[in-house]
Protein backbone atom coordinates (compact mmCIF):
# COMPACT_ATOMS: atom_id res chain seq x y z
CA MET A 1 -0.02 -0.16 -0.23
CA HIS A 2 1.29 3.42 -1.10
CA ARG A 3 1.31 6.56 1.43
CA GLY A 4 -1.91 8.33 0.85
CA ARG A 5 -3.42 5.51 -0.92
CA THR A 6 -5.69 2.35 -0.52
CA LEU A 7 -6.69 0.04 -2.68
CA ASP A 8 -10.72 0.13 -3.47
CA ARG A 9 -12.57 -3.02 -3.69
CA HIS A 10 -11.60 -3.57 -7.21
CA GLY A 11 -7.70 -2.93 -6.41
CA ASP A 12 -7.77 0.34 -8.10
CA ARG A 13 -5.57 2.91 -6.49
CA ARG A 14 -7.69 6.06 -5.15
CA HIS A 15 -6.63 8.61 -2.66
CA ARG A 16 -8.06 8.89 0.28
CA CYS A 17 -10.65 11.70 1.40
CA SER A 18 -8.76 13.20 3.88
CA GLY A 19 -5.26 15.37 4.20
CA ARG A 20 -4.80 19.01 5.44
CA ASP A 21 -6.73 21.70 6.64
CA ASP A 22 -6.92 24.19 3.86
CA PRO A 23 -9.86 26.81 4.53
CA LYS A 24 -10.90 27.02 0.80
CA ALA A 25 -11.27 23.38 0.57
CA GLU A 26 -12.86 22.76 3.79
CA ALA A 27 -15.77 26.24 2.47
CA PHE A 28 -15.98 24.30 -0.37
CA ALA A 29 -16.83 21.21 1.03
CA ALA A 30 -19.70 22.79 3.45
CA TYR A 31 -21.33 24.17 0.33
CA LEU A 32 -21.58 21.28 -1.41
CA THR A 33 -22.89 19.55 1.72
CA ASP A 34 -25.20 22.35 2.98
CA GLU A 35 -26.15 23.96 -0.51
CA ARG A 36 -25.56 21.37 -3.30
CA HIS A 37 -26.49 18.30 -0.87
CA PHE A 38 -23.59 16.12 -1.61
CA SER A 39 -22.82 13.45 1.00
CA ALA A 40 -20.55 14.23 3.57
CA TYR A 41 -18.02 11.60 2.19
CA THR A 42 -18.62 12.76 -1.44
CA ALA A 43 -17.66 16.66 -0.11
CA ARG A 44 -14.44 15.32 2.13
CA CYS A 45 -13.23 13.44 -1.57
CA TYR A 46 -13.69 16.49 -3.37
CA GLY A 47 -12.19 18.74 -1.03
CA ALA A 48 -9.13 16.33 -1.08
CA ASP A 49 -9.16 17.01 -4.81
CA LEU A 50 -9.08 20.24 -4.05
CA ARG A 51 -6.28 20.49 -1.98
CA GLN A 52 -4.34 18.09 -3.93
CA PHE A 53 -4.91 20.45 -6.87
CA ILE A 54 -3.96 23.50 -5.21
CA ASP A 55 -0.63 21.60 -4.24
CA TYR A 56 0.24 20.78 -7.60
CA LEU A 57 -0.20 24.00 -8.89
CA SER A 58 1.64 25.79 -6.11
CA GLY A 59 4.63 23.67 -6.88
CA GLU A 60 4.56 23.89 -10.55
CA LEU A 61 4.29 27.58 -10.27
CA GLY A 62 6.82 27.82 -7.29
CA VAL A 63 4.07 29.97 -5.05
CA GLU A 64 3.99 29.23 -1.58
CA ILE A 65 0.37 29.08 -0.07
CA ASP A 66 0.36 31.46 3.00
CA ARG A 67 -2.11 29.86 5.16
CA PRO A 68 -2.79 32.16 8.10
CA ALA A 69 -3.53 34.60 5.38
CA GLU A 70 -6.39 31.95 3.56
CA GLU A 71 -7.61 31.59 6.82
CA SER A 72 -8.54 34.88 7.46
CA ALA A 73 -10.10 35.37 3.69
């Protein structure tokens, strides 16, 4: 088993639907559950995907995320 991944019942590698906190991703997940009526699990998975995308973009563009500024926004 790889770190951050798990095997689903079909043997496919999928990312776990958790991760470090990100205020924008958490707000997005809350929107999905509260306004769009997604299940909590689906919203967490979308939030994890968004966190991974933010990490990817910041790495590719060489931009550092200012977490305290993001939390206060």
